[in-house]
Amino acid sequence: MKLEIEGMSCNHCRMRIEKALKAVDGIE
């Protein structure tokens, strides 16, 4: 999974968003 979100340049921020998405949508 690759997310292209403006302003999300740090890996920590990306991981936080992925974790949030998984928790909400149950996506892999």
Protein backbone atom coordinates (compact mmCIF):
# COMPACT_ATOMS: atom_id res chain seq x y z
CA MET A 1 0.00 0.00 0.00
CA LYS A 2 1.37 3.39 -0.97
CA LEU A 3 -0.23 6.62 0.12
CA GLU A 4 0.45 9.90 -1.64
CA ILE A 5 -0.65 12.62 0.74
CA GLU A 6 0.74 16.15 0.57
CA GLY A 7 2.74 17.08 3.65
CA MET A 8 3.25 13.45 4.68
CA SER A 9 6.99 13.35 4.17
CA CYS A 10 8.00 11.55 7.34
CA ASN A 11 7.69 7.79 7.77
CA HIS A 12 6.23 8.25 11.26
CA CYS A 13 3.36 10.30 9.86
CA ARG A 14 2.75 7.70 7.15
CA MET A 15 2.63 4.87 9.69
CA ARG A 16 0.18 6.80 11.87
CA ILE A 17 -2.16 7.31 8.92
CA GLU A 18 -1.87 3.68 7.78
CA LYS A 19 -2.62 2.47 11.32
CA ALA A 20 -5.64 4.77 11.50
CA LEU A 21 -6.94 3.56 8.14
CA LYS A 22 -6.51 -0.09 9.13
CA ALA A 23 -8.38 0.52 12.37
CA VAL A 24 -11.28 2.21 10.58
CA ASP A 25 -11.56 0.22 7.35
CA GLY A 26 -9.82 -3.00 8.28
CA ILE A 27 -7.68 -2.73 5.15
CA GLU A 28 -4.34 -4.42 4.65
